């Protein structure tokens, strides 16, 4: 007898009425892709639970991978036995003996999902608790605050015994909320925005603006590495690299310096929207946080948003920098983002950017630029890279 299953609980997905099975099927696909390097696993998806049969696969590496899958509220290492009272007793005793239980307190929390099982929930709690007490020493009952809460779930296909929960990533399975384009710079914020967008079920494709020779190949590699890291949470990501030098230089020659950053952001948004149309996306995701920098004031956002009617999602809108950094460190993007290689926005930032730009003025300045033609030419020269999870990176560092 040994631990042989992992039980997965859905959390928020459980509220999805008639559509729940679509969410469950998507989650199962995402889990199967995430665990493709564990060939012996068997995944069984039910309406209210998912079970992974280990077949002697060491559980800890599997659990670590599952913690990066959105749509999982919690998971537990489990022991499965037949739904027979004596076998449940023996399995429960074995389960407890895997812990350093002497001097500890315990409780049995039974749940009879199979209403045809002949023993009621209260009777099952009593029978299992009594059996454990008779066959152990130094273990006592505490029904309110036990050290070990042994949960016994009796189902038609068998009985599952668990104790401790491992938190999952939460959210919704990636792919259940449609596709969006992530404007991915080399900074700290936008990868976190991408992570949070995927947590709400969005499949993302990333768009990066590259301005050689002002930005280096190392800066480009940094963005590739950031997108690669995000694949661990959302699966395959297509990264669209936009050659932005000519258009950016044209803006900075024609538009007054204090308005140049806003004009640049408007061009970026228009280009991203064109790529979105080609890729059948539904929205654009940015890493903007209200008031963090000059281009992220409310007035600036209004001026930039004027170029599109596509929804622009800003997952970080109310977060401060400390909160964003904490998430970046937790998801493993921070150490990549702080590499000292600047992106095009950082290099071309004016000394005194306008914090309350007038939309009418920026439109007037842009009339002297052939923006439609330049944007079309830029979109035609976009380079696209497909990144997949678990693929080694060609590190430059």
Protein backbone atom coordinates (compact mmCIF):
# COMPACT_ATOMS: atom_id res chain seq x y z
CA UNK A 1 0.00 0.00 0.00
CA UNK A 2 1.34 3.43 -0.95
CA UNK A 3 0.32 6.90 -2.08
CA UNK A 4 -0.91 6.34 -5.61
CA UNK A 5 -3.01 9.36 -6.62
CA UNK A 6 -3.05 13.15 -6.67
CA UNK A 7 -6.46 14.73 -6.15
CA UNK A 8 -7.05 18.05 -7.94
CA UNK A 9 -9.79 20.48 -6.82
CA UNK A 10 -11.20 23.08 -9.18
CA UNK A 11 -12.17 26.01 -6.96
CA UNK A 12 -13.66 28.82 -9.07
CA UNK A 13 -14.43 26.44 -11.94
CA UNK A 14 -17.01 24.75 -9.73
CA UNK A 15 -19.31 27.77 -10.18
CA UNK A 16 -19.47 27.34 -13.96
CA UNK A 17 -22.94 25.75 -14.38
CA UNK A 18 -23.62 24.28 -17.82
CA UNK A 19 -20.20 25.32 -19.15
CA UNK A 20 -18.24 23.54 -16.43
CA UNK A 21 -17.37 20.49 -18.56
CA UNK A 22 -15.75 22.75 -21.18
CA UNK A 23 -13.55 24.25 -18.48
CA UNK A 24 -12.72 20.78 -17.14
CA UNK A 25 -11.75 19.49 -20.59
CA UNK A 26 -9.51 22.52 -21.15
CA UNK A 27 -7.86 22.06 -17.75
CA UNK A 28 -7.25 18.38 -18.50
CA UNK A 29 -5.56 19.29 -21.81
CA UNK A 30 -3.37 21.88 -20.10
CA UNK A 31 -2.38 19.42 -17.37
CA UNK A 32 -1.59 16.71 -19.92
CA UNK A 33 0.72 19.11 -21.79
CA UNK A 34 2.37 20.22 -18.57
CA UNK A 35 3.04 16.63 -17.49
CA UNK A 36 4.03 15.22 -20.88
CA UNK A 37 7.47 14.28 -19.56
CA UNK A 38 5.89 11.89 -17.03
CA UNK A 39 4.70 9.12 -19.37
CA UNK A 40 3.30 6.78 -16.72
CA UNK A 41 0.67 9.14 -15.36
CA UNK A 42 -3.03 8.59 -15.98
CA UNK A 43 -5.45 11.55 -15.76
CA UNK A 44 -9.14 11.09 -14.99
CA UNK A 45 -11.35 14.19 -15.15
CA UNK A 46 -14.72 14.22 -13.41
CA UNK A 47 -17.21 17.04 -12.99
CA UNK A 48 -16.08 18.05 -9.50
CA UNK A 49 -12.59 16.54 -9.18
CA UNK A 50 -9.64 15.40 -11.22
CA UNK A 51 -7.46 12.45 -10.30
CA UNK A 52 -3.94 11.66 -11.44
CA UNK A 53 -2.83 8.06 -10.98
CA UNK A 54 0.89 8.03 -10.36
CA UNK A 55 1.80 4.45 -11.35
CA UNK A 56 4.93 4.65 -9.13
CA UNK A 57 5.99 8.07 -10.46
CA UNK A 58 7.62 10.13 -7.66
CA UNK A 59 4.92 12.61 -6.65
CA UNK A 60 6.89 15.74 -5.69
CA UNK A 61 8.07 16.73 -9.21
CA UNK A 62 4.51 16.20 -10.47
CA UNK A 63 3.06 18.41 -7.71
CA UNK A 64 5.58 21.17 -8.47
CA UNK A 65 4.52 21.20 -12.14
CA UNK A 66 0.83 21.20 -11.25
CA UNK A 67 1.28 24.27 -9.06
CA UNK A 68 1.99 26.28 -12.23
CA UNK A 69 -1.28 25.29 -13.94
CA UNK A 70 -4.10 27.83 -13.77
CA UNK A 71 -7.52 26.44 -12.88
CA UNK A 72 -6.31 24.33 -9.94
CA UNK A 73 -7.42 25.60 -6.54
CA UNK A 74 -5.62 22.96 -4.47
CA UNK A 75 -4.24 19.43 -4.74
CA UNK A 76 -3.42 16.62 -2.36
CA UNK A 77 -1.40 13.46 -2.36
CA UNK A 78 -3.92 10.65 -1.89
CA UNK A 79 -4.30 6.96 -1.19
CA UNK A 80 -7.09 5.14 -3.03
CA UNK A 81 -8.73 1.99 -1.76
CA UNK A 82 -11.90 0.02 -2.41
CA UNK A 83 -15.11 1.33 -0.90
CA UNK A 84 -15.28 -1.45 1.65
CA UNK A 85 -15.39 -0.52 5.34
CA UNK A 86 -12.60 -2.84 6.48
CA UNK A 87 -10.31 -1.84 3.63
CA UNK A 88 -11.03 1.83 4.32
CA UNK A 89 -10.06 1.28 7.97
CA UNK A 90 -6.79 -0.39 7.02
CA UNK A 91 -5.95 2.28 4.45
CA UNK A 92 -6.73 5.09 6.92
CA UNK A 93 -4.47 3.54 9.54
CA UNK A 94 -1.67 3.11 6.99
CA UNK A 95 -2.13 6.70 5.87
CA UNK A 96 -1.76 8.09 9.39
CA UNK A 97 1.29 5.97 10.08
CA UNK A 98 3.09 7.78 7.25
CA UNK A 99 3.20 10.85 9.53
CA UNK A 100 5.21 11.37 12.74
CA UNK A 101 1.97 10.97 14.66
CA UNK A 102 3.04 10.25 18.25
CA UNK A 103 2.05 13.10 20.54
CA UNK A 104 -0.15 14.56 17.83
CA UNK A 105 -3.91 15.05 17.55
CA UNK A 106 -6.11 13.92 14.68
CA UNK A 107 -9.60 14.03 13.28
CA UNK A 108 -11.48 12.02 10.67
CA UNK A 109 -13.47 14.09 8.18
CA UNK A 110 -15.54 11.66 6.14
CA UNK A 111 -17.61 12.56 3.08
CA UNK A 112 -20.00 10.05 1.55
CA UNK A 113 -20.30 11.13 -2.10
CA UNK A 114 -21.69 7.66 -2.88
CA UNK A 115 -25.02 7.69 -1.07
CA UNK A 116 -25.38 3.96 -1.64
CA UNK A 117 -22.51 3.23 0.73
CA UNK A 118 -24.16 1.45 3.70
CA UNK A 119 -22.39 3.44 6.47
CA UNK A 120 -23.46 7.03 7.21
CA UNK A 121 -20.96 9.87 7.45
CA UNK A 122 -21.16 10.09 11.26
CA UNK A 123 -20.84 6.33 11.62
CA UNK A 124 -17.84 6.34 9.30
CA UNK A 125 -16.13 9.07 11.34
CA UNK A 126 -16.66 6.98 14.49
CA UNK A 127 -15.61 3.64 12.96
CA UNK A 128 -12.41 5.01 11.44
CA UNK A 129 -11.48 7.12 14.47
CA UNK A 130 -11.96 4.17 16.83
CA UNK A 131 -9.92 1.87 14.60
CA UNK A 132 -7.03 4.33 14.46
CA UNK A 133 -7.03 4.88 18.24
CA UNK A 134 -7.00 1.11 18.92
CA UNK A 135 -4.03 0.56 16.65
CA UNK A 136 -1.79 3.51 17.58
CA UNK A 137 -0.22 4.94 20.71
CA UNK A 138 0.34 8.59 21.60
CA UNK A 139 -2.37 9.83 19.24
CA UNK A 140 -5.47 11.66 20.52
CA UNK A 141 -8.60 13.15 19.01
CA UNK A 142 -9.16 16.88 18.52
CA UNK A 143 -12.16 17.66 16.32
CA UNK A 144 -11.62 21.43 16.33
CA UNK A 145 -7.91 22.05 15.71
CA UNK A 146 -6.24 18.72 14.85
CA UNK A 147 -2.62 18.35 13.84
CA UNK A 148 -3.69 15.78 11.24
CA UNK A 149 -7.06 16.17 9.51
CA UNK A 150 -7.64 12.89 7.66
CA UNK A 151 -10.23 13.35 4.93
CA UNK A 152 -11.96 10.24 3.65
CA UNK A 153 -14.09 10.63 0.53
CA UNK A 154 -16.20 7.63 -0.42
CA UNK A 155 -17.08 7.57 -4.11
CA UNK A 156 -18.53 4.91 -6.39
CA UNK A 157 -15.21 4.25 -8.11
CA UNK A 158 -13.31 4.00 -4.80
CA UNK A 159 -12.40 5.82 -1.60
CA UNK A 160 -9.74 8.52 -1.49
CA UNK A 161 -7.83 9.39 1.67
CA UNK A 162 -6.00 12.73 1.92
CA UNK A 163 -4.71 15.04 4.66
CA UNK A 164 -2.78 18.12 3.62
CA UNK A 165 -3.61 20.48 0.75
CA UNK A 166 -1.03 22.05 -1.53
CA UNK A 167 -2.22 25.41 -2.92
CA UNK A 168 -2.66 25.65 -6.68
CA UNK A 169 -2.31 28.66 -8.96
CA UNK A 170 -6.06 29.34 -8.89
CA UNK A 171 -7.82 31.25 -11.65
CA UNK A 172 -9.21 29.72 -14.82
CA UNK A 173 -7.60 27.34 -17.32
CA UNK A 174 -5.60 29.14 -20.00
CA UNK A 175 -7.61 29.17 -23.22
CA UNK A 176 -11.09 29.43 -21.70
CA UNK A 177 -11.35 33.23 -22.01
CA UNK A 178 -10.09 33.78 -25.57
CA UNK A 179 -6.86 35.21 -26.95
CA UNK A 180 -5.17 38.55 -26.23
CA UNK A 181 -1.97 40.28 -27.35
CA UNK A 182 0.49 41.14 -24.55
CA UNK A 183 2.68 44.22 -25.13
CA UNK A 184 5.86 42.72 -23.67
CA UNK A 185 8.81 44.98 -22.87
CA UNK A 186 11.97 43.93 -21.09
CA UNK A 187 10.85 45.46 -17.81
CA UNK A 188 9.35 44.07 -14.64
CA UNK A 189 5.69 45.00 -15.18
CA UNK A 190 4.56 43.52 -18.49
CA UNK A 191 5.55 39.88 -17.76
CA UNK A 192 3.54 40.10 -14.52
CA UNK A 193 0.59 41.50 -16.50
CA UNK A 194 0.89 38.55 -18.87
CA UNK A 195 0.92 36.12 -15.96
CA UNK A 196 -2.20 37.67 -14.43
CA UNK A 197 -3.97 37.72 -17.81
CA UNK A 198 -3.32 34.00 -18.20
CA UNK A 199 -4.63 33.45 -14.69
CA UNK A 200 -8.00 34.72 -15.92
CA UNK A 201 -7.99 32.12 -18.70
CA UNK A 202 -6.52 34.21 -21.52
CA UNK A 203 -4.25 32.68 -24.11
CA UNK A 204 -1.61 35.29 -24.89
CA UNK A 205 0.63 36.14 -27.80
CA UNK A 206 3.39 38.62 -27.04
CA UNK A 207 4.39 41.71 -29.04
CA UNK A 208 7.82 43.29 -28.50
CA UNK A 209 9.17 46.49 -30.09
CA UNK A 210 12.83 46.21 -31.06
CA UNK A 211 14.88 49.23 -32.17
CA UNK A 212 18.39 48.24 -33.26
CA UNK A 213 21.07 49.57 -33.01
CA UNK A 214 19.68 51.55 -30.07
CA UNK A 215 18.60 48.32 -28.38
CA UNK A 216 20.93 45.33 -28.42
CA UNK A 217 20.54 41.65 -29.23
CA UNK A 218 20.95 41.03 -25.51
CA UNK A 219 17.86 43.15 -24.84
CA UNK A 220 15.99 41.09 -27.43
CA UNK A 221 17.19 37.86 -25.82
CA UNK A 222 15.98 39.12 -22.45
CA UNK A 223 12.44 39.44 -23.84
CA UNK A 224 12.63 35.99 -25.43
CA UNK A 225 13.65 34.59 -22.05
CA UNK A 226 10.75 36.37 -20.34
CA UNK A 227 8.27 34.95 -22.85
CA UNK A 228 9.86 31.53 -22.44
CA UNK A 229 9.34 31.72 -18.67
CA UNK A 230 5.67 32.61 -19.18
CA UNK A 231 5.16 29.45 -21.27
CA UNK A 232 5.53 27.47 -18.03
CA UNK A 233 2.18 28.93 -16.93
CA UNK A 234 0.30 29.19 -20.22
CA UNK A 235 1.80 26.75 -22.69
CA UNK A 236 3.06 27.71 -26.15
CA UNK A 237 3.46 31.47 -26.73
CA UNK A 238 4.07 33.17 -30.07
CA UNK A 239 6.34 36.20 -29.75
CA UNK A 240 6.02 38.88 -32.45
CA UNK A 241 9.14 41.05 -32.68
CA UNK A 242 8.41 44.42 -34.30
CA UNK A 243 11.26 46.28 -36.12
CA UNK A 244 10.53 49.72 -34.69
CA UNK A 245 13.65 51.82 -35.40
CA UNK A 246 12.52 53.76 -38.48
CA UNK A 247 9.07 54.57 -37.16
CA UNK A 248 10.37 55.56 -33.76
CA UNK A 249 13.01 57.85 -35.22
CA UNK A 250 10.43 59.48 -37.50
CA UNK A 251 8.21 60.24 -34.49
CA UNK A 252 11.05 61.78 -32.49
CA UNK A 253 12.08 63.99 -35.42
CA UNK A 254 8.57 65.30 -36.13
CA UNK A 255 6.71 65.37 -32.79
CA UNK A 256 7.76 67.81 -30.04
CA UNK A 257 9.88 66.07 -27.41
CA UNK A 258 7.38 66.33 -24.57
CA UNK A 259 4.72 64.63 -26.73
CA UNK A 260 7.00 62.10 -28.43
CA UNK A 261 6.48 59.37 -25.83
CA UNK A 262 2.68 59.55 -26.17
CA UNK A 263 2.93 59.43 -29.96
CA UNK A 264 5.25 56.42 -29.70
CA UNK A 265 2.78 54.62 -27.42
CA UNK A 266 -0.04 55.37 -29.86
CA UNK A 267 1.97 53.84 -32.73
CA UNK A 268 2.78 50.79 -30.62
CA UNK A 269 -0.87 50.28 -29.79
CA UNK A 270 -1.89 50.61 -33.44
CA UNK A 271 0.73 48.06 -34.51
CA UNK A 272 -0.27 45.66 -31.76
CA UNK A 273 -3.90 46.01 -32.82
CA UNK A 274 -2.99 45.16 -36.43
CA UNK A 275 -1.17 42.04 -35.26
CA UNK A 276 -4.17 41.19 -33.08
CA UNK A 277 -6.44 41.30 -36.12
CA UNK A 278 -4.17 38.95 -38.05
CA UNK A 279 -3.98 36.52 -35.13
CA UNK A 280 -7.72 36.67 -34.29
CA UNK A 281 -7.17 38.08 -30.82
CA UNK A 282 -9.91 39.78 -28.85
CA UNK A 283 -8.01 42.22 -26.60
CA UNK A 284 -4.65 43.84 -25.82
CA UNK A 285 -2.89 43.46 -22.44
CA UNK A 286 -0.42 46.02 -21.09
CA UNK A 287 1.69 46.32 -17.94
CA UNK A 288 0.51 49.83 -17.11
CA UNK A 289 -0.10 50.90 -13.51
CA UNK A 290 -2.03 54.12 -13.00
CA UNK A 291 0.27 57.05 -12.28
CA UNK A 292 3.49 55.02 -12.20
CA UNK A 293 5.20 56.99 -15.01
CA UNK A 294 4.30 59.91 -17.30
CA UNK A 295 2.78 57.71 -20.01
CA UNK A 296 0.54 56.02 -17.44
CA UNK A 297 -1.43 58.97 -16.13
CA UNK A 298 -5.14 58.85 -16.86
CA UNK A 299 -4.80 61.69 -19.37
CA UNK A 300 -2.02 59.81 -21.17
CA UNK A 301 -4.04 56.61 -21.28
CA UNK A 302 -6.98 58.48 -22.81
CA UNK A 303 -4.72 59.98 -25.49
CA UNK A 304 -3.14 56.61 -26.30
CA UNK A 305 -6.37 54.60 -26.25
CA UNK A 306 -7.88 56.98 -28.82
CA UNK A 307 -6.26 55.01 -31.67
CA UNK A 308 -8.29 51.82 -31.13
CA UNK A 309 -11.66 50.52 -30.02
CA UNK A 310 -10.15 47.18 -29.01
CA UNK A 311 -10.40 46.45 -25.25
CA UNK A 312 -7.11 47.27 -23.52
CA UNK A 313 -6.71 45.21 -20.35
CA UNK A 314 -4.45 46.48 -17.56
CA UNK A 315 -4.14 43.81 -14.83
CA UNK A 316 -1.69 45.96 -12.82
CA UNK A 317 -3.75 49.15 -12.88
CA UNK A 318 -4.12 49.48 -9.09
CA UNK A 319 -0.85 47.87 -7.97
CA UNK A 320 2.20 49.69 -6.68
CA UNK A 321 5.73 48.74 -7.69
CA UNK A 322 6.39 46.74 -4.51
CA UNK A 323 3.41 44.49 -5.18
CA UNK A 324 4.41 43.98 -8.80
CA UNK A 325 8.00 43.10 -7.88
CA UNK A 326 6.77 40.57 -5.31
CA UNK A 327 4.78 38.74 -8.00
CA UNK A 328 7.69 38.94 -10.46
CA UNK A 329 10.00 37.32 -7.92
CA UNK A 330 7.46 34.61 -7.14
CA UNK A 331 6.88 33.64 -10.78
CA UNK A 332 10.56 33.75 -11.75
CA UNK A 333 10.65 36.73 -14.12
CA UNK A 334 12.25 39.38 -11.89
CA UNK A 335 15.85 38.17 -12.23
CA UNK A 336 15.45 38.23 -16.02
CA UNK A 337 13.79 41.67 -16.13
CA UNK A 338 16.58 43.35 -14.15
CA UNK A 339 19.31 42.41 -16.60
CA UNK A 340 20.91 45.75 -17.60
CA UNK A 341 19.72 45.86 -21.21
CA UNK A 342 17.25 48.64 -22.04
CA UNK A 343 14.25 48.53 -24.36
CA UNK A 344 13.27 51.15 -26.93
CA UNK A 345 10.94 53.08 -24.61
CA UNK A 346 13.60 53.47 -21.94
CA UNK A 347 16.28 54.70 -24.33
CA UNK A 348 14.05 57.27 -26.04
CA UNK A 349 12.30 58.61 -22.92
CA UNK A 350 12.24 62.45 -23.11
CA UNK A 351 13.62 64.54 -20.26
CA UNK A 352 10.27 66.18 -19.49
CA UNK A 353 7.42 64.07 -20.91
CA UNK A 354 3.94 65.54 -20.89
CA UNK A 355 1.88 64.07 -18.03
CA UNK A 356 -1.43 65.63 -19.11
CA UNK A 357 -1.27 65.53 -22.91
CA UNK A 358 -4.03 67.03 -25.05
CA UNK A 359 -5.42 64.53 -27.54
CA UNK A 360 -6.11 67.29 -30.07
CA UNK A 361 -2.46 68.41 -30.02
CA UNK A 362 -1.04 64.94 -30.56
CA UNK A 363 -3.41 64.37 -33.48
CA UNK A 364 -2.24 67.65 -35.00
CA UNK A 365 1.46 66.74 -34.61
CA UNK A 366 0.91 63.31 -36.19
CA UNK A 367 -0.74 64.78 -39.29
CA UNK A 368 2.71 65.55 -40.65
CA UNK A 369 3.77 61.87 -40.51
CA UNK A 370 2.77 59.15 -43.02
CA UNK A 371 1.80 56.91 -40.09
CA UNK A 372 -0.63 54.66 -41.95
CA UNK A 373 1.98 53.67 -44.53
CA UNK A 374 4.79 53.32 -41.99
CA UNK A 375 2.68 51.16 -39.68
CA UNK A 376 1.64 48.90 -42.57
CA UNK A 377 5.30 48.50 -43.63
CA UNK A 378 6.36 47.78 -40.04
CA UNK A 379 3.67 45.13 -39.55
CA UNK A 380 4.73 43.44 -42.79
CA UNK A 381 8.28 43.01 -41.41
CA UNK A 382 7.34 41.51 -38.03
CA UNK A 383 9.37 38.45 -37.03
CA UNK A 384 7.46 35.72 -35.17
CA UNK A 385 9.03 33.16 -32.83
CA UNK A 386 7.14 30.22 -31.32
CA UNK A 387 8.19 29.33 -27.77
CA UNK A 388 7.20 26.14 -25.98
CA UNK A 389 7.47 25.04 -22.33
CA UNK A 390 10.38 22.91 -21.17
CA UNK A 391 12.56 23.91 -24.11
CA UNK A 392 16.16 24.91 -23.26
CA UNK A 393 17.09 28.52 -23.92
CA UNK A 394 20.21 29.61 -25.78
CA UNK A 395 21.47 31.75 -22.91
CA UNK A 396 23.74 34.68 -23.75
CA UNK A 397 24.66 35.36 -20.14
